[in-house]
N, C-alpha and C. Protein backbone atom coordinates (compact mmCIF):
# COMPACT_ATOMS: atom_id res chain seq x y z
N MET A 1 0.81 -1.18 0.00
CA MET A 1 0.00 0.00 0.00
C MET A 1 0.87 1.27 0.00
N LEU A 2 1.93 1.27 0.81
CA LEU A 2 2.83 2.42 0.82
C LEU A 2 3.53 2.59 -0.52
N ARG A 3 3.90 1.48 -1.14
CA ARG A 3 4.57 1.55 -2.44
C ARG A 3 3.64 2.16 -3.49
N GLN A 4 2.38 1.77 -3.43
CA GLN A 4 1.40 2.30 -4.37
C GLN A 4 1.25 3.82 -4.15
N LEU A 5 1.19 4.23 -2.91
CA LEU A 5 1.11 5.65 -2.59
C LEU A 5 2.33 6.40 -3.13
N CYS A 6 3.50 5.81 -2.96
CA CYS A 6 4.73 6.43 -3.46
C CYS A 6 4.69 6.57 -4.98
N ARG A 7 4.20 5.55 -5.67
CA ARG A 7 4.08 5.62 -7.13
C ARG A 7 3.12 6.73 -7.55
N GLN A 8 1.99 6.81 -6.85
CA GLN A 8 0.99 7.83 -7.19
C GLN A 8 1.53 9.23 -6.92
N LEU A 9 2.19 9.41 -5.79
CA LEU A 9 2.73 10.73 -5.45
C LEU A 9 3.83 11.15 -6.41
N GLY A 10 4.62 10.17 -6.85
CA GLY A 10 5.69 10.47 -7.79
C GLY A 10 5.17 10.76 -9.19
N GLY A 11 4.00 10.25 -9.50
CA GLY A 11 3.37 10.52 -10.78
C GLY A 11 4.17 10.07 -11.99
N GLY A 12 5.06 9.10 -11.80
CA GLY A 12 5.87 8.63 -12.91
C GLY A 12 7.04 9.55 -13.23
N GLN A 13 7.07 10.70 -12.63
CA GLN A 13 8.14 11.68 -12.87
C GLN A 13 9.33 11.44 -11.94
N THR A 14 9.03 11.18 -10.67
CA THR A 14 10.05 11.03 -9.65
C THR A 14 9.83 9.72 -8.91
N GLU A 15 10.90 8.97 -8.71
CA GLU A 15 10.78 7.72 -7.97
C GLU A 15 10.83 8.03 -6.48
N LEU A 16 9.75 7.68 -5.80
CA LEU A 16 9.66 7.91 -4.36
C LEU A 16 9.72 6.58 -3.62
N GLY A 17 10.15 6.65 -2.39
CA GLY A 17 10.19 5.48 -1.52
C GLY A 17 9.92 5.92 -0.10
N PHE A 18 10.11 4.97 0.83
CA PHE A 18 9.85 5.33 2.22
C PHE A 18 10.88 4.71 3.14
N THR A 19 10.99 5.29 4.31
CA THR A 19 11.81 4.76 5.37
C THR A 19 11.07 4.99 6.68
N ILE A 20 11.56 4.37 7.73
CA ILE A 20 10.95 4.53 9.05
C ILE A 20 11.93 5.31 9.91
N ASP A 21 11.45 6.39 10.48
CA ASP A 21 12.32 7.25 11.28
C ASP A 21 11.60 7.65 12.56
N GLY A 22 12.12 7.22 13.69
CA GLY A 22 11.53 7.58 14.98
C GLY A 22 10.09 7.13 15.14
N GLY A 23 9.76 6.01 14.56
CA GLY A 23 8.40 5.48 14.66
C GLY A 23 7.44 6.06 13.64
N GLY A 24 7.92 6.99 12.81
CA GLY A 24 7.09 7.56 11.75
C GLY A 24 7.57 7.11 10.39
N ILE A 25 6.72 7.25 9.39
CA ILE A 25 7.07 6.88 8.03
C ILE A 25 7.40 8.15 7.27
N VAL A 26 8.56 8.13 6.61
CA VAL A 26 9.01 9.28 5.83
C VAL A 26 9.00 8.88 4.36
N ILE A 27 8.29 9.64 3.53
CA ILE A 27 8.26 9.42 2.10
C ILE A 27 9.13 10.50 1.46
N SER A 28 10.05 10.06 0.59
CA SER A 28 10.98 11.01 -0.02
C SER A 28 11.46 10.43 -1.35
N THR A 29 12.32 11.18 -2.03
CA THR A 29 12.90 10.68 -3.28
C THR A 29 13.90 9.58 -2.94
N MET A 30 14.12 8.69 -3.89
CA MET A 30 15.08 7.61 -3.67
C MET A 30 16.48 8.18 -3.46
N ASP A 31 16.81 9.25 -4.17
CA ASP A 31 18.11 9.89 -3.99
C ASP A 31 18.31 10.36 -2.56
N ASP A 32 17.27 10.90 -1.97
CA ASP A 32 17.34 11.36 -0.59
C ASP A 32 17.38 10.19 0.39
N LEU A 33 16.64 9.12 0.08
CA LEU A 33 16.57 7.98 0.99
C LEU A 33 17.88 7.21 1.09
N VAL A 34 18.73 7.34 0.08
CA VAL A 34 20.04 6.68 0.13
C VAL A 34 20.78 7.07 1.40
N LYS A 35 20.58 8.29 1.84
CA LYS A 35 21.25 8.79 3.06
C LYS A 35 20.77 8.06 4.31
N SER A 36 19.60 7.43 4.23
CA SER A 36 19.06 6.75 5.41
C SER A 36 19.23 5.23 5.35
N ALA A 37 20.12 4.76 4.47
CA ALA A 37 20.36 3.32 4.38
C ALA A 37 20.87 2.79 5.72
N ARG A 38 20.39 1.62 6.06
CA ARG A 38 20.79 0.99 7.33
C ARG A 38 21.39 -0.39 7.04
N THR A 39 22.25 -0.81 7.92
CA THR A 39 22.84 -2.15 7.80
C THR A 39 22.18 -3.06 8.82
N ARG A 40 21.72 -4.20 8.34
CA ARG A 40 21.12 -5.20 9.22
C ARG A 40 21.72 -6.55 8.89
N ALA A 41 21.83 -7.38 9.90
CA ALA A 41 22.33 -8.73 9.72
C ALA A 41 21.18 -9.70 9.97
N TYR A 42 20.92 -10.55 9.00
CA TYR A 42 19.85 -11.55 9.10
C TYR A 42 20.49 -12.92 9.31
N ASP A 43 20.06 -13.61 10.34
CA ASP A 43 20.56 -14.96 10.57
C ASP A 43 19.95 -15.88 9.52
N VAL A 44 20.80 -16.40 8.65
CA VAL A 44 20.33 -17.30 7.59
C VAL A 44 21.01 -18.66 7.69
N SER A 45 21.58 -18.94 8.86
CA SER A 45 22.29 -20.21 9.03
C SER A 45 21.37 -21.40 8.76
N ASP A 46 20.08 -21.25 9.09
CA ASP A 46 19.14 -22.33 8.83
C ASP A 46 18.91 -22.53 7.34
N LEU A 47 19.17 -21.51 6.54
CA LEU A 47 18.97 -21.62 5.09
C LEU A 47 20.22 -22.11 4.36
N VAL A 48 21.39 -21.70 4.81
CA VAL A 48 22.62 -22.02 4.07
C VAL A 48 23.38 -23.22 4.63
N ASN A 49 23.09 -23.62 5.84
CA ASN A 49 23.79 -24.76 6.44
C ASN A 49 22.93 -26.01 6.36
N GLN A 50 22.48 -26.31 5.16
CA GLN A 50 21.62 -27.47 4.93
C GLN A 50 22.37 -28.49 4.07
N PRO A 51 22.00 -29.76 4.14
CA PRO A 51 22.59 -30.74 3.25
C PRO A 51 22.36 -30.36 1.79
N ALA A 52 23.28 -30.74 0.93
CA ALA A 52 23.22 -30.37 -0.49
C ALA A 52 21.96 -30.86 -1.19
N ALA A 53 21.31 -31.89 -0.66
CA ALA A 53 20.14 -32.47 -1.33
C ALA A 53 18.87 -31.64 -1.14
N THR A 54 18.91 -30.63 -0.30
CA THR A 54 17.70 -29.84 -0.07
C THR A 54 17.47 -28.85 -1.21
N THR A 55 16.31 -28.25 -1.22
CA THR A 55 15.99 -27.26 -2.26
C THR A 55 16.36 -25.85 -1.82
N ARG A 56 16.96 -25.71 -0.67
CA ARG A 56 17.33 -24.38 -0.18
C ARG A 56 18.65 -23.93 -0.81
N PRO A 57 18.82 -22.62 -0.97
CA PRO A 57 20.00 -22.12 -1.67
C PRO A 57 21.28 -22.19 -0.85
N ALA A 58 22.42 -22.30 -1.56
CA ALA A 58 23.73 -22.22 -0.92
C ALA A 58 24.03 -20.74 -0.66
N ARG A 59 25.15 -20.47 0.00
CA ARG A 59 25.50 -19.10 0.39
C ARG A 59 25.48 -18.12 -0.80
N ASP A 60 26.26 -18.41 -1.82
CA ASP A 60 26.34 -17.50 -2.97
C ASP A 60 25.00 -17.41 -3.68
N GLU A 61 24.30 -18.52 -3.76
CA GLU A 61 22.98 -18.52 -4.41
C GLU A 61 21.99 -17.65 -3.64
N LEU A 62 22.08 -17.64 -2.32
CA LEU A 62 21.17 -16.84 -1.51
C LEU A 62 21.40 -15.35 -1.77
N VAL A 63 22.64 -14.94 -1.84
CA VAL A 63 22.95 -13.54 -2.14
C VAL A 63 22.39 -13.18 -3.51
N GLU A 64 22.62 -14.03 -4.50
CA GLU A 64 22.11 -13.77 -5.86
C GLU A 64 20.59 -13.74 -5.88
N LEU A 65 19.97 -14.64 -5.15
CA LEU A 65 18.51 -14.70 -5.09
C LEU A 65 17.92 -13.40 -4.53
N VAL A 66 18.52 -12.89 -3.47
CA VAL A 66 18.05 -11.64 -2.89
C VAL A 66 18.27 -10.49 -3.88
N MET A 67 19.44 -10.45 -4.50
CA MET A 67 19.73 -9.37 -5.44
C MET A 67 18.79 -9.40 -6.65
N GLN A 68 18.38 -10.56 -7.07
CA GLN A 68 17.49 -10.68 -8.23
C GLN A 68 16.04 -10.36 -7.89
N ASN A 69 15.65 -10.56 -6.63
CA ASN A 69 14.24 -10.42 -6.25
C ASN A 69 13.90 -9.19 -5.43
N VAL A 70 14.90 -8.52 -4.91
CA VAL A 70 14.66 -7.32 -4.10
C VAL A 70 15.40 -6.16 -4.78
N ALA A 71 14.65 -5.27 -5.40
CA ALA A 71 15.19 -4.07 -6.04
C ALA A 71 16.46 -4.37 -6.84
N PRO A 72 16.37 -5.20 -7.88
CA PRO A 72 17.56 -5.67 -8.61
C PRO A 72 18.50 -4.57 -9.09
N ASP A 73 17.99 -3.43 -9.46
CA ASP A 73 18.85 -2.36 -9.98
C ASP A 73 19.54 -1.55 -8.90
N SER A 74 19.22 -1.80 -7.64
CA SER A 74 19.75 -0.96 -6.57
C SER A 74 21.09 -1.45 -6.01
N TRP A 75 21.44 -2.71 -6.18
CA TRP A 75 22.63 -3.28 -5.54
C TRP A 75 23.91 -2.81 -6.21
N ARG A 76 24.88 -2.41 -5.43
CA ARG A 76 26.17 -1.96 -5.98
C ARG A 76 26.83 -3.07 -6.77
N GLN A 77 26.69 -4.32 -6.31
CA GLN A 77 27.28 -5.44 -7.02
C GLN A 77 26.70 -5.60 -8.42
N ALA A 78 25.50 -5.04 -8.64
CA ALA A 78 24.84 -5.14 -9.94
C ALA A 78 24.91 -3.81 -10.69
N GLY A 79 25.73 -2.89 -10.21
CA GLY A 79 25.88 -1.61 -10.89
C GLY A 79 25.02 -0.49 -10.32
N GLY A 80 24.21 -0.77 -9.30
CA GLY A 80 23.39 0.26 -8.67
C GLY A 80 24.20 1.06 -7.68
N GLY A 81 23.57 2.01 -7.06
CA GLY A 81 24.30 2.86 -6.14
C GLY A 81 23.80 2.84 -4.72
N LEU A 82 22.94 1.89 -4.38
CA LEU A 82 22.30 1.94 -3.07
C LEU A 82 22.73 0.81 -2.15
N GLY A 83 22.40 -0.39 -2.48
CA GLY A 83 22.53 -1.50 -1.55
C GLY A 83 23.80 -2.31 -1.67
N VAL A 84 24.17 -2.91 -0.55
CA VAL A 84 25.29 -3.85 -0.50
C VAL A 84 24.81 -5.06 0.27
N ILE A 85 25.18 -6.24 -0.23
CA ILE A 85 24.76 -7.47 0.43
C ILE A 85 25.90 -8.47 0.40
N LYS A 86 26.12 -9.12 1.55
CA LYS A 86 27.17 -10.14 1.68
C LYS A 86 26.70 -11.21 2.65
N GLU A 87 27.15 -12.41 2.44
CA GLU A 87 26.90 -13.48 3.40
C GLU A 87 28.18 -13.65 4.19
N PHE A 88 28.05 -13.72 5.50
CA PHE A 88 29.21 -13.89 6.36
C PHE A 88 28.84 -14.75 7.55
N ASP A 89 29.44 -15.92 7.63
CA ASP A 89 29.30 -16.79 8.79
C ASP A 89 27.84 -17.04 9.18
N GLY A 90 27.02 -17.39 8.19
CA GLY A 90 25.63 -17.72 8.47
C GLY A 90 24.72 -16.52 8.64
N ARG A 91 25.24 -15.34 8.30
CA ARG A 91 24.44 -14.13 8.37
C ARG A 91 24.46 -13.43 7.02
N LEU A 92 23.33 -12.88 6.67
CA LEU A 92 23.23 -12.07 5.48
C LEU A 92 23.31 -10.62 5.94
N VAL A 93 24.38 -9.94 5.57
CA VAL A 93 24.60 -8.56 5.99
C VAL A 93 24.16 -7.66 4.84
N VAL A 94 23.13 -6.87 5.10
CA VAL A 94 22.48 -6.08 4.05
C VAL A 94 22.46 -4.61 4.45
N THR A 95 22.94 -3.76 3.55
CA THR A 95 22.83 -2.32 3.72
C THR A 95 21.91 -1.81 2.63
N THR A 96 20.77 -1.27 3.02
CA THR A 96 19.80 -0.71 2.08
C THR A 96 18.79 0.13 2.86
N ILE A 97 17.78 0.61 2.19
CA ILE A 97 16.75 1.40 2.86
C ILE A 97 15.69 0.47 3.47
N ASP A 98 14.96 1.00 4.43
CA ASP A 98 13.95 0.20 5.14
C ASP A 98 12.96 -0.46 4.19
N MET A 99 12.58 0.24 3.15
CA MET A 99 11.62 -0.26 2.19
C MET A 99 12.09 -1.60 1.60
N TYR A 100 13.37 -1.70 1.32
CA TYR A 100 13.91 -2.93 0.76
C TYR A 100 14.23 -3.97 1.83
N HIS A 101 14.53 -3.52 3.05
CA HIS A 101 14.72 -4.48 4.15
C HIS A 101 13.44 -5.29 4.36
N LEU A 102 12.29 -4.64 4.23
CA LEU A 102 11.02 -5.36 4.35
C LEU A 102 10.90 -6.45 3.30
N ASP A 103 11.37 -6.15 2.08
CA ASP A 103 11.34 -7.15 1.01
C ASP A 103 12.30 -8.31 1.30
N VAL A 104 13.46 -8.00 1.84
CA VAL A 104 14.42 -9.05 2.21
C VAL A 104 13.79 -9.97 3.26
N GLU A 105 13.16 -9.38 4.26
CA GLU A 105 12.51 -10.17 5.31
C GLU A 105 11.43 -11.09 4.73
N ARG A 106 10.63 -10.56 3.80
CA ARG A 106 9.57 -11.37 3.18
C ARG A 106 10.15 -12.52 2.37
N LEU A 107 11.20 -12.24 1.61
CA LEU A 107 11.83 -13.28 0.79
C LEU A 107 12.42 -14.38 1.68
N LEU A 108 13.10 -14.01 2.73
CA LEU A 108 13.67 -15.01 3.63
C LEU A 108 12.57 -15.84 4.29
N ALA A 109 11.47 -15.22 4.65
CA ALA A 109 10.34 -15.96 5.22
C ALA A 109 9.77 -16.95 4.22
N GLU A 110 9.68 -16.56 2.96
CA GLU A 110 9.19 -17.47 1.92
C GLU A 110 10.14 -18.65 1.73
N LEU A 111 11.42 -18.38 1.75
CA LEU A 111 12.41 -19.47 1.59
C LEU A 111 12.33 -20.45 2.74
N ARG A 112 12.04 -19.97 3.90
CA ARG A 112 11.93 -20.84 5.08
C ARG A 112 10.71 -21.74 5.02
N LYS A 113 9.70 -21.35 4.27
CA LYS A 113 8.50 -22.17 4.13
C LYS A 113 8.73 -23.39 3.25
N ARG A 114 9.76 -23.34 2.42
CA ARG A 114 10.03 -24.44 1.47
C ARG A 114 10.49 -25.68 2.17
């Protein structure tokens, strides 16, 4: 719903997004939101430390899966200027805006259902 509001407010002219600041929601341009990028570590040991026969992704595959499914053009590894993602010792370390952190959380929850 917030994404739809951002699209409507931007009117196709300006890309808008949102972040959470002090318990409130801030809607702004994506260029401005880059300044509010946060780093979070997600425990993904249950996803990457599985036997090879499972359908769950390996470490490098998990990073690629997130990059392909969450704001693909935003990741620095893919030529974007916003997000950085790395897997380290069973944790997915992600620097991006809150709007995309929500997408990462949803994707990881979906992978856990498999």
